[in-house]
Amino acid sequence: MKRITKKYLAYAQAIAFASLLTAVLLLNLWPSGGDKQYDWARIRYRSKASSLPDARGICPGLEGSSKPALVVARIESEDTKWLDQLASYYHLCVYTADAPLDRTSRGLQIPANRGHEAMAYLTFMIDNYENIPEAGAVFVHGSRFAWHNDSPDYDNEVLLMALNLSSALQHDGYTNLRCDWSAGTCSPLQAQPQGSLETLLSSKLQPWSRRAVSDAALPRALQLLFDGSTDNAKSQALLRRSDAVRAQCCAQFAVSRDAIWRHSPDEYSALRQWLLDDGMAPSDDRTAGRILSYVWHILFLASPDSHTSLQGLNAQACPSAQACYCRLYGKYDDNGIPGGKEAAAKQIGQKFAAGAYDVIHVQEDFAYDDEIYDNDNHKFRTKTTGNVPFGSGLNTLANFGWSDLRKIKWDRCFINEADCLTPKGFTYMRMNVAEGVTIGFDNLHAEAENEEQDFEARRSNIDQLSNHITSVSAGQAVIIFGDTNTLYSRSQDNIRVLGTQNGLRDAWIDLIQGGTIPANAPECTDPTTNQTCEAIDKVLYRSGANVVLSATSHAYVTDRFLQLNGDRLSDHNAVLVDFAWSA
């Protein structure tokens, strides 16, 4: 018998490995053949359980409620006090997963602590099916603060109070509460095909990775849930190897009543049984819950017939952050600008360059700094702090360099008009206008709107700015301009503090009003041709120990910032002030 040496054995192994590698590459890189259609219209899973859980998840008082339901999935250790303020906006339905069973009660209990938030969500839909409010329902976790909450402070209370539910549900009847793409699988770079061999290998090599394990388990789960069996390799519910389900994280969402009613109570019960039945859902609770986080949008967005376009479903599940923030929380609104903000920003950049302005402050520049900067020619520009919910929207363009740039967030905000959804505040810099000559420049965007809590927050903003000037700019020349959202004629505003405590003068008062604050100047419309009206966008200044400043002209120059057809480019009047200085 011929002896097989190690040399030949290694050679054979190399050939086998190369063949396996080729097979893997072929399976993973073979073209998908265009947009795949899936049959994800109905839950077809059939439980073998002899009996189903009793109805113990009834939400008291829900019948006839005019408020949307807020379904909260919590555990005993999570405080519920943060929900108190939300009670005026929502009908609260709070489920405690690890509470002991009370057999005398039929309210707000779940059959098992399984599937994380999914058990509470499904129990609510099953036991309150007939009483879902016309306004819909919002489903959230029990912790107020979590890393995945889409606000700067990770505060779900802020998000839920700012949520415009009717707008959020208007088009599709479903929305995830998260708009930012930094988590989940919305980004094409993150949305790897869940059924690929690469995903399967990752789950085996990284069993500690919740994402890898749950992604690898998703195709079988989808087939079992929507087909009722995993036997049919040609099932229209089986996710093919080259396809990826794109979805937002992290199982907090809103649904209309009609979208919930697209499925029967039996379907929701079957989905819940998949969690409860032994050996059906993954035994690891985290994996089972994560799989269902991919399923919610499929339930409520998939086509009611047997032809759901995966490409279309992915697009619905992952709207652009800009569109999402605008629809859900009122941010990124085009504010009536014809043609949209992107086109407007390009023209604004061009007009900045043509105007030869020395220093420009802009506010609410969350998403279009590239369009402005690409069309502008100023040498010095601040680096944007990013989109909502991370950016302040404050940017500066100048012909002078600066030092000591600071970006300061307001200490206080009120959630009306989504003021707390992004870190609004002010910036400070020492601008070098000439050799050895510096002037402090501040750009601000204060609290908006006029409810009492707005006034309180805005007064706090102005006080904070005033204190900063006192501590940082003592004895120095200062120019402040930005969106103060204040009027001298409103007694609730404290803009006069900057004059009385910091010695700042208002260029509009000095040059247009003859140095006297008017008792009742009309508030400016937008656009305006009336130079005597008062705008919330103000320019204030003072001289310093080594620099004498004087404002020489003040004008609303909105006519310089119009589209070719005469439409406006911004929803605020542009303010231009010329200064003379001497050192």
Foldseek 3Di string as FASTA:
>chain_A
DDDDDPVNVVVVVVVVVVVVVVVQCCQQVPDPPDWAWFQQQFFDADDPDPDFDDQQADQPPLAPDQAAEEEEEEAPVFDQPLCPVVVVRHRYRYAHQPDDDDPVGSHRYFPHNFLRQLRSVLSCCLNCVVRRHQLFYWYDYRHQADPQQFFPRSGVSLLSVLWPSCLLCVPQQKAASHQDPPDFFLDVVRFFQLCRVVLVVCCVVCVVDLVSVLSVCQQQLQCCGRVVDSPDPPHSRGRRHHDGQGADDDPIMIGGSVLSVSYDSVSSSSLSVLRVDPPRADPPRSSSNRSVNSVVLCSRRADNGRTGGSVVSSCVRHPHSLVNCCRTRNANDQLPFPPGQQVLLLLQLQLQAVVPDAKDKWASQADRPVSNVVNHDAPDKDDFQHHWAETQRIMMGHNWDWDDKDDDFQPDADSVSHPRRHRFAKIWIFTPPDVVDTEIEMEGAAQADDDPSSLVSLQSRLVVVLVCCVVPVVQAKYKYWYQSNDDPLDPSHDNCCCCVRVVKDWLLCVPVVVVDRDNQAAAQAPPHPDSRHDYSTTMIIQHGPAKHKDWDDKGQVQVSAADPVRGGSDRGTDIDIDMDMDD
